[in-house]
PDB file of N, CA and C in Angstrom:
ATOM      1  N   MET A   1     -13.741  81.860  18.768  1.00  0.00           N
ATOM      2  CA  MET A   1     -12.449  82.350  18.153  1.00  0.00           C
ATOM      3  C   MET A   1     -12.396  83.811  18.250  1.00  0.00           C
ATOM      4  N   LYS A   2     -11.368  84.298  18.667  1.00  0.00           N
ATOM      5  CA  LYS A   2     -11.280  85.773  18.708  1.00  0.00           C
ATOM      6  C   LYS A   2     -10.923  86.371  17.480  1.00  0.00           C
ATOM      7  N   THR A   3     -11.527  87.599  17.126  1.00  0.00           N
ATOM      8  CA  THR A   3     -11.136  88.253  15.924  1.00  0.00           C
ATOM      9  C   THR A   3     -10.252  89.406  16.292  1.00  0.00           C
ATOM     10  N   ALA A   4      -9.805  90.073  15.413  1.00  0.00           N
ATOM     11  CA  ALA A   4      -8.865  91.342  15.616  1.00  0.00           C
ATOM     12  C   ALA A   4      -9.518  92.229  16.426  1.00  0.00           C
ATOM     13  N   GLU A   5     -10.742  92.490  16.141  1.00  0.00           N
ATOM     14  CA  GLU A   5     -11.540  93.512  17.069  1.00  0.00           C
ATOM     15  C   GLU A   5     -11.802  93.036  18.412  1.00  0.00           C
ATOM     16  N   THR A   6     -11.754  91.810  18.764  1.00  0.00           N
ATOM     17  CA  THR A   6     -12.084  91.390  20.290  1.00  0.00           C
ATOM     18  C   THR A   6     -10.787  90.961  21.002  1.00  0.00           C
ATOM     19  N   THR A   7      -9.606  90.983  20.374  1.00  0.00           N
ATOM     20  CA  THR A   7      -8.562  90.679  21.097  1.00  0.00           C
ATOM     21  C   THR A   7      -7.970  91.961  21.715  1.00  0.00           C
ATOM     22  N   ASN A   8      -7.206  91.564  22.888  1.00  0.00           N
ATOM     23  CA  ASN A   8      -6.659  92.809  23.708  1.00  0.00           C
ATOM     24  C   ASN A   8      -5.418  93.291  22.896  1.00  0.00           C
ATOM     25  N   LYS A   9      -5.405  94.426  22.064  1.00  0.00           N
ATOM     26  CA  LYS A   9      -4.375  94.843  21.466  1.00  0.00           C
ATOM     27  C   LYS A   9      -3.529  95.965  22.431  1.00  0.00           C
ATOM     28  N   PRO A  10      -2.374  95.822  22.521  1.00  0.00           N
ATOM     29  CA  PRO A  10      -1.584  96.876  23.385  1.00  0.00           C
ATOM     30  C   PRO A  10      -1.635  98.173  22.504  1.00  0.00           C
ATOM     31  N   ASP A  11      -1.604  99.362  23.315  1.00  0.00           N
ATOM     32  CA  ASP A  11      -1.464 100.671  22.805  1.00  0.00           C
ATOM     33  C   ASP A  11      -0.088 101.057  23.033  1.00  0.00           C
ATOM     34  N   LEU A  12       0.720 100.786  21.924  1.00  0.00           N
ATOM     35  CA  LEU A  12       2.087 101.056  22.033  1.00  0.00           C
ATOM     36  C   LEU A  12       2.499 102.163  20.952  1.00  0.00           C
ATOM     37  N   GLN A  13       3.426 103.062  21.398  1.00  0.00           N
ATOM     38  CA  GLN A  13       3.883 104.115  20.522  1.00  0.00           C
ATOM     39  C   GLN A  13       5.237 103.516  19.783  1.00  0.00           C
ATOM     40  N   VAL A  14       5.489 103.975  18.718  1.00  0.00           N
ATOM     41  CA  VAL A  14       6.846 103.552  17.878  1.00  0.00           C
ATOM     42  C   VAL A  14       7.978 104.400  18.626  1.00  0.00           C
ATOM     43  N   SER A  15       8.980 103.510  18.993  1.00  0.00           N
ATOM     44  CA  SER A  15      10.030 104.190  19.740  1.00  0.00           C
ATOM     45  C   SER A  15      10.994 104.794  18.808  1.00  0.00           C
ATOM     46  N   LYS A  16      11.880 105.790  19.314  1.00  0.00           N
ATOM     47  CA  LYS A  16      12.880 106.394  18.459  1.00  0.00           C
ATOM     48  C   LYS A  16      13.724 105.453  17.728  1.00  0.00           C
ATOM     49  N   GLU A  17      14.180 104.358  18.421  1.00  0.00           N
ATOM     50  CA  GLU A  17      15.061 103.338  17.798  1.00  0.00           C
ATOM     51  C   GLU A  17      14.286 102.656  16.434  1.00  0.00           C
ATOM     52  N   THR A  18      13.232 102.334  16.823  1.00  0.00           N
ATOM     53  CA  THR A  18      12.264 101.732  15.717  1.00  0.00           C
ATOM     54  C   THR A  18      12.088 102.659  14.639  1.00  0.00           C
ATOM     55  N   ALA A  19      11.735 103.960  15.043  1.00  0.00           N
ATOM     56  CA  ALA A  19      11.428 105.017  14.056  1.00  0.00           C
ATOM     57  C   ALA A  19      12.592 105.133  13.112  1.00  0.00           C
ATOM     58  N   ASN A  20      13.820 105.041  13.725  1.00  0.00           N
ATOM     59  CA  ASN A  20      15.095 105.261  12.917  1.00  0.00           C
ATOM     60  C   ASN A  20      15.152 104.206  11.846  1.00  0.00           C
ATOM     61  N   PHE A  21      14.772 102.916  12.082  1.00  0.00           N
ATOM     62  CA  PHE A  21      14.936 101.995  11.103  1.00  0.00           C
ATOM     63  C   PHE A  21      13.759 102.220   9.910  1.00  0.00           C
ATOM     64  N   ILE A  22      12.653 102.515  10.382  1.00  0.00           N
ATOM     65  CA  ILE A  22      11.638 102.790   9.532  1.00  0.00           C
ATOM     66  C   ILE A  22      12.160 103.871   8.568  1.00  0.00           C
ATOM     67  N   GLY A  23      12.591 104.911   9.134  1.00  0.00           N
ATOM     68  CA  GLY A  23      13.296 106.030   8.299  1.00  0.00           C
ATOM     69  C   GLY A  23      14.375 105.590   7.257  1.00  0.00           C
ATOM     70  N   CYS A  24      15.058 104.530   7.782  1.00  0.00           N
ATOM     71  CA  CYS A  24      16.057 103.875   6.859  1.00  0.00           C
ATOM     72  C   CYS A  24      15.470 103.385   5.726  1.00  0.00           C
ATOM     73  N   LEU A  25      14.353 102.541   5.879  1.00  0.00           N
ATOM     74  CA  LEU A  25      13.563 101.971   4.837  1.00  0.00           C
ATOM     75  C   LEU A  25      13.110 102.902   3.963  1.00  0.00           C
ATOM     76  N   GLN A  26      12.540 103.855   4.482  1.00  0.00           N
ATOM     77  CA  GLN A  26      11.858 105.049   3.589  1.00  0.00           C
ATOM     78  C   GLN A  26      12.928 105.685   2.797  1.00  0.00           C
ATOM     79  N   GLN A  27      14.257 105.927   3.350  1.00  0.00           N
ATOM     80  CA  GLN A  27      15.257 106.419   2.688  1.00  0.00           C
ATOM     81  C   GLN A  27      15.762 105.560   1.556  1.00  0.00           C
ATOM     82  N   MET A  28      15.719 104.237   1.772  1.00  0.00           N
ATOM     83  CA  MET A  28      16.030 103.265   0.713  1.00  0.00           C
ATOM     84  C   MET A  28      15.081 103.232  -0.486  1.00  0.00           C
ATOM     85  N   GLN A  29      13.763 103.505  -0.203  1.00  0.00           N
ATOM     86  CA  GLN A  29      12.843 103.570  -1.204  1.00  0.00           C
ATOM     87  C   GLN A  29      13.183 104.745  -2.122  1.00  0.00           C
ATOM     88  N   THR A  30      13.547 105.873  -1.485  1.00  0.00           N
ATOM     89  CA  THR A  30      13.976 107.060  -2.175  1.00  0.00           C
ATOM     90  C   THR A  30      15.313 106.878  -3.043  1.00  0.00           C
ATOM     91  N   LEU A  31      16.078 106.386  -2.411  1.00  0.00           N
ATOM     92  CA  LEU A  31      17.297 105.853  -3.194  1.00  0.00           C
ATOM     93  C   LEU A  31      17.128 105.133  -4.391  1.00  0.00           C
ATOM     94  N   TYR A  32      16.304 103.875  -4.247  1.00  0.00           N
ATOM     95  CA  TYR A  32      15.900 103.199  -5.491  1.00  0.00           C
ATOM     96  C   TYR A  32      15.384 104.061  -6.514  1.00  0.00           C
ATOM     97  N   SER A  33      14.398 104.841  -6.244  1.00  0.00           N
ATOM     98  CA  SER A  33      13.846 105.713  -7.157  1.00  0.00           C
ATOM     99  C   SER A  33      14.731 106.703  -7.751  1.00  0.00           C
ATOM    100  N   CYS A  34      15.646 107.271  -6.904  1.00  0.00           N
ATOM    101  CA  CYS A  34      16.631 108.224  -7.553  1.00  0.00           C
ATOM    102  C   CYS A  34      17.604 107.465  -8.500  1.00  0.00           C
ATOM    103  N   VAL A  35      18.123 106.200  -8.199  1.00  0.00           N
ATOM    104  CA  VAL A  35      19.072 105.507  -9.018  1.00  0.00           C
ATOM    105  C   VAL A  35      18.244 105.231 -10.311  1.00  0.00           C
ATOM    106  N   TYR A  36      16.995 104.719 -10.130  1.00  0.00           N
ATOM    107  CA  TYR A  36      16.153 104.454 -11.548  1.00  0.00           C
ATOM    108  C   TYR A  36      16.097 105.868 -12.355  1.00  0.00           C
ATOM    109  N   ALA A  37      15.693 106.747 -11.689  1.00  0.00           N
ATOM    110  CA  ALA A  37      15.711 108.036 -12.454  1.00  0.00           C
ATOM    111  C   ALA A  37      16.902 108.412 -13.207  1.00  0.00           C
ATOM    112  N   ALA A  38      17.949 108.476 -12.255  1.00  0.00           N
ATOM    113  CA  ALA A  38      19.221 108.724 -12.908  1.00  0.00           C
ATOM    114  C   ALA A  38      19.549 107.859 -14.114  1.00  0.00           C
ATOM    115  N   LEU A  39      19.353 106.530 -13.957  1.00  0.00           N
ATOM    116  CA  LEU A  39      19.591 105.698 -15.049  1.00  0.00           C
ATOM    117  C   LEU A  39      18.749 105.949 -16.394  1.00  0.00           C
ATOM    118  N   GLU A  40      17.469 106.489 -16.168  1.00  0.00           N
ATOM    119  CA  GLU A  40      16.726 106.974 -17.210  1.00  0.00           C
ATOM    120  C   GLU A  40      16.973 108.054 -18.025  1.00  0.00           C
ATOM    121  N   THR A  41      17.752 108.967 -17.311  1.00  0.00           N
ATOM    122  CA  THR A  41      18.363 110.130 -17.931  1.00  0.00           C
ATOM    123  C   THR A  41      19.651 109.698 -18.822  1.00  0.00           C
ATOM    124  N   LEU A  42      20.245 108.598 -18.439  1.00  0.00           N
ATOM    125  CA  LEU A  42      21.318 108.261 -19.402  1.00  0.00           C
ATOM    126  C   LEU A  42      20.863 107.177 -20.536  1.00  0.00           C
ATOM    127  N   TYR A  43      20.012 106.467 -20.279  1.00  0.00           N
ATOM    128  CA  TYR A  43      19.554 105.280 -21.007  1.00  0.00           C
ATOM    129  C   TYR A  43      18.048 105.301 -21.338  1.00  0.00           C
ATOM    130  N   ASP A  44      17.739 104.513 -22.258  1.00  0.00           N
ATOM    131  CA  ASP A  44      16.244 104.465 -22.583  1.00  0.00           C
ATOM    132  C   ASP A  44      15.702 103.602 -21.468  1.00  0.00           C
ATOM    133  N   ASP A  45      14.204 103.550 -21.314  1.00  0.00           N
ATOM    134  CA  ASP A  45      13.555 102.962 -20.256  1.00  0.00           C
ATOM    135  C   ASP A  45      13.811 101.481 -20.091  1.00  0.00           C
ATOM    136  N   GLU A  46      14.021 100.834 -21.303  1.00  0.00           N
ATOM    137  CA  GLU A  46      14.154  99.422 -21.239  1.00  0.00           C
ATOM    138  C   GLU A  46      15.560  99.041 -20.798  1.00  0.00           C
ATOM    139  N   THR A  47      16.518  99.823 -21.156  1.00  0.00           N
ATOM    140  CA  THR A  47      18.015  99.669 -20.798  1.00  0.00           C
ATOM    141  C   THR A  47      18.084  99.920 -19.372  1.00  0.00           C
ATOM    142  N   ALA A  48      17.324 101.128 -18.722  1.00  0.00           N
ATOM    143  CA  ALA A  48      17.509 101.353 -17.272  1.00  0.00           C
ATOM    144  C   ALA A  48      16.931 100.253 -16.486  1.00  0.00           C
ATOM    145  N   HIS A  49      15.834  99.785 -17.057  1.00  0.00           N
ATOM    146  CA  HIS A  49      15.202  98.619 -16.240  1.00  0.00           C
ATOM    147  C   HIS A  49      16.049  97.332 -16.253  1.00  0.00           C
ATOM    148  N   CYS A  50      16.712  97.065 -17.369  1.00  0.00           N
ATOM    149  CA  CYS A  50      17.675  95.952 -17.332  1.00  0.00           C
ATOM    150  C   CYS A  50      18.764  96.246 -16.358  1.00  0.00           C
ATOM    151  N   LEU A  51      19.369  97.315 -16.348  1.00  0.00           N
ATOM    152  CA  LEU A  51      20.429  97.710 -15.328  1.00  0.00           C
ATOM    153  C   LEU A  51      20.019  97.490 -13.973  1.00  0.00           C
ATOM    154  N   ILE A  52      18.950  98.010 -13.718  1.00  0.00           N
ATOM    155  CA  ILE A  52      18.365  97.922 -12.334  1.00  0.00           C
ATOM    156  C   ILE A  52      18.229  96.500 -12.021  1.00  0.00           C
ATOM    157  N   ASN A  53      17.644  95.591 -12.877  1.00  0.00           N
ATOM    158  CA  ASN A  53      17.433  94.199 -12.690  1.00  0.00           C
ATOM    159  C   ASN A  53      18.762  93.464 -12.570  1.00  0.00           C
ATOM    160  N   ASP A  54      19.620  93.687 -13.368  1.00  0.00           N
ATOM    161  CA  ASP A  54      20.936  93.010 -13.510  1.00  0.00           C
ATOM    162  C   ASP A  54      21.931  93.340 -12.421  1.00  0.00           C
ATOM    163  N   TYR A  55      22.033  94.693 -11.986  1.00  0.00           N
ATOM    164  CA  TYR A  55      23.024  95.196 -11.154  1.00  0.00           C
ATOM    165  C   TYR A  55      22.731  95.723  -9.824  1.00  0.00           C
ATOM    166  N   PHE A  56      21.422  96.145  -9.713  1.00  0.00           N
ATOM    167  CA  PHE A  56      21.061  96.839  -8.489  1.00  0.00           C
ATOM    168  C   PHE A  56      20.001  96.133  -7.546  1.00  0.00           C
ATOM    169  N   TYR A  57      18.972  95.401  -8.060  1.00  0.00           N
ATOM    170  CA  TYR A  57      17.932  94.932  -7.457  1.00  0.00           C
ATOM    171  C   TYR A  57      18.341  93.950  -6.508  1.00  0.00           C
ATOM    172  N   THR A  58      19.161  93.000  -6.703  1.00  0.00           N
ATOM    173  CA  THR A  58      19.442  91.923  -5.807  1.00  0.00           C
ATOM    174  C   THR A  58      20.132  92.425  -4.569  1.00  0.00           C
ATOM    175  N   GLU A  59      21.230  93.340  -4.836  1.00  0.00           N
ATOM    176  CA  GLU A  59      21.800  94.011  -3.770  1.00  0.00           C
ATOM    177  C   GLU A  59      20.992  94.816  -2.976  1.00  0.00           C
ATOM    178  N   PHE A  60      20.188  95.654  -3.679  1.00  0.00           N
ATOM    179  CA  PHE A  60      19.129  96.520  -2.872  1.00  0.00           C
ATOM    180  C   PHE A  60      18.302  95.663  -1.927  1.00  0.00           C
ATOM    181  N   LYS A  61      17.654  94.553  -2.353  1.00  0.00           N
ATOM    182  CA  LYS A  61      16.832  93.734  -1.673  1.00  0.00           C
ATOM    183  C   LYS A  61      17.605  93.087  -0.498  1.00  0.00           C
ATOM    184  N   ALA A  62      18.853  92.657  -0.574  1.00  0.00           N
ATOM    185  CA  ALA A  62      19.618  92.145   0.438  1.00  0.00           C
ATOM    186  C   ALA A  62      19.837  93.287   1.584  1.00  0.00           C
ATOM    187  N   LEU A  63      20.114  94.342   1.203  1.00  0.00           N
ATOM    188  CA  LEU A  63      20.367  95.447   2.148  1.00  0.00           C
ATOM    189  C   LEU A  63      18.991  95.735   2.832  1.00  0.00           C
ATOM    190  N   GLU A  64      17.855  95.684   2.112  1.00  0.00           N
ATOM    191  CA  GLU A  64      16.645  96.009   2.656  1.00  0.00           C
ATOM    192  C   GLU A  64      16.199  94.851   3.594  1.00  0.00           C
ATOM    193  N   LYS A  65      16.464  93.591   3.332  1.00  0.00           N
ATOM    194  CA  LYS A  65      16.307  92.472   4.169  1.00  0.00           C
ATOM    195  C   LYS A  65      17.042  92.707   5.477  1.00  0.00           C
ATOM    196  N   CYS A  66      18.244  93.203   5.428  1.00  0.00           N
ATOM    197  CA  CYS A  66      19.079  93.225   6.731  1.00  0.00           C
ATOM    198  C   CYS A  66      18.579  94.595   7.554  1.00  0.00           C
ATOM    199  N   VAL A  67      18.212  95.592   6.940  1.00  0.00           N
ATOM    200  CA  VAL A  67      17.621  96.664   7.679  1.00  0.00           C
ATOM    201  C   VAL A  67      16.270  96.349   8.252  1.00  0.00           C
ATOM    202  N   SER A  68      15.434  95.595   7.411  1.00  0.00           N
ATOM    203  CA  SER A  68      14.248  95.104   8.074  1.00  0.00           C
ATOM    204  C   SER A  68      14.400  94.122   9.246  1.00  0.00           C
ATOM    205  N   GLY A  69      15.378  93.416   9.156  1.00  0.00           N
ATOM    206  CA  GLY A  69      15.852  92.526  10.342  1.00  0.00           C
ATOM    207  C   GLY A  69      16.112  93.427  11.604  1.00  0.00           C
ATOM    208  N   PHE A  70      16.952  94.437  11.433  1.00  0.00           N
ATOM    209  CA  PHE A  70      17.258  95.277  12.446  1.00  0.00           C
ATOM    210  C   PHE A  70      15.817  95.974  12.965  1.00  0.00           C
ATOM    211  N   LEU A  71      15.073  96.408  12.065  1.00  0.00           N
ATOM    212  CA  LEU A  71      13.525  96.903  12.513  1.00  0.00           C
ATOM    213  C   LEU A  71      12.896  95.829  13.583  1.00  0.00           C
ATOM    214  N   VAL A  72      12.798  94.641  13.046  1.00  0.00           N
ATOM    215  CA  VAL A  72      12.145  93.633  13.826  1.00  0.00           C
ATOM    216  C   VAL A  72      13.045  93.245  15.183  1.00  0.00           C
ATOM    217  N   ASP A  73      14.450  93.419  15.120  1.00  0.00           N
ATOM    218  CA  ASP A  73      15.040  93.250  16.492  1.00  0.00           C
ATOM    219  C   ASP A  73      14.580  94.401  17.304  1.00  0.00           C
ATOM    220  N   SER A  74      14.576  95.670  16.910  1.00  0.00           N
ATOM    221  CA  SER A  74      14.209  96.658  17.697  1.00  0.00           C
ATOM    222  C   SER A  74      12.796  96.536  18.153  1.00  0.00           C
ATOM    223  N   ILE A  75      11.907  96.143  17.472  1.00  0.00           N
ATOM    224  CA  ILE A  75      10.480  95.931  17.994  1.00  0.00           C
ATOM    225  C   ILE A  75      10.538  94.848  18.884  1.00  0.00           C
ATOM    226  N   SER A  76      11.195  93.767  18.765  1.00  0.00           N
ATOM    227  CA  SER A  76      11.373  92.535  19.701  1.00  0.00           C
ATOM    228  C   SER A  76      11.972  92.858  20.987  1.00  0.00           C
ATOM    229  N   GLU A  77      13.055  93.667  20.905  1.00  0.00           N
ATOM    230  CA  GLU A  77      13.909  94.144  22.183  1.00  0.00           C
ATOM    231  C   GLU A  77      12.864  94.959  23.038  1.00  0.00           C
ATOM    232  N   LYS A  78      12.093  95.933  22.486  1.00  0.00           N
ATOM    233  CA  LYS A  78      11.247  96.763  23.031  1.00  0.00           C
ATOM    234  C   LYS A  78      10.037  95.848  23.677  1.00  0.00           C
ATOM    235  N   LEU A  79       9.576  95.061  23.028  1.00  0.00           N
ATOM    236  CA  LEU A  79       8.476  94.120  23.512  1.00  0.00           C
ATOM    237  C   LEU A  79       8.847  93.333  24.814  1.00  0.00           C
ATOM    238  N   GLY A  80      10.111  93.097  24.586  1.00  0.00           N
ATOM    239  CA  GLY A  80      10.661  92.309  25.690  1.00  0.00           C
ATOM    240  C   GLY A  80      10.941  92.970  27.064  1.00  0.00           C
ATOM    241  N   GLU A  81      10.959  94.242  27.059  1.00  0.00           N
ATOM    242  CA  GLU A  81      11.032  95.092  28.310  1.00  0.00           C
ATOM    243  C   GLU A  81       9.819  95.130  29.078  1.00  0.00           C
ATOM    244  N   VAL A  82       9.911  94.897  30.322  1.00  0.00           N
ATOM    245  CA  VAL A  82       8.920  94.921  31.202  1.00  0.00           C
ATOM    246  C   VAL A  82       8.283  96.300  31.330  1.00  0.00           C
ATOM    247  N   GLY A  83       7.086  96.354  31.254  1.00  0.00           N
ATOM    248  CA  GLY A  83       6.318  97.749  31.439  1.00  0.00           C
ATOM    249  C   GLY A  83       6.529  98.589  30.082  1.00  0.00           C
ATOM    250  N   ASN A  84       6.759  97.980  28.962  1.00  0.00           N
ATOM    251  CA  ASN A  84       7.012  98.788  27.881  1.00  0.00           C
ATOM    252  C   ASN A  84       5.860  99.605  27.442  1.00  0.00           C
ATOM    253  N   THR A  85       5.977 100.737  26.742  1.00  0.00           N
ATOM    254  CA  THR A  85       4.974 101.518  26.134  1.00  0.00           C
ATOM    255  C   THR A  85       5.232 101.808  24.705  1.00  0.00           C
ATOM    256  N   GLU A  86       6.437 101.364  24.271  1.00  0.00           N
ATOM    257  CA  GLU A  86       6.944 101.544  22.983  1.00  0.00           C
ATOM    258  C   GLU A  86       7.393 100.338  22.304  1.00  0.00           C
ATOM    259  N   ILE A  87       7.360 100.319  21.039  1.00  0.00           N
ATOM    260  CA  ILE A  87       7.889  99.165  20.214  1.00  0.00           C
ATOM    261  C   ILE A  87       8.974  99.689  19.296  1.00  0.00           C
TER     262      ILE A  87
END
């Protein structure tokens, strides 16, 4: 059985397109933190936490799932190209 160390791993760079989606996910994490911090300036910690959970988290995770899907699509498309050097 081959281990991760003995398998032939391709030496691929991250493409601009894939990097853009990674950047989107990073910005989403920043947005989540900013929204939480803004709520904490208006409300106590427990209320801010409840508001995040009740009104923001589900929609945020749905958007995150969508963007993550685009990221996987970008990687898959690059892997499908003949002679690719990027994902």
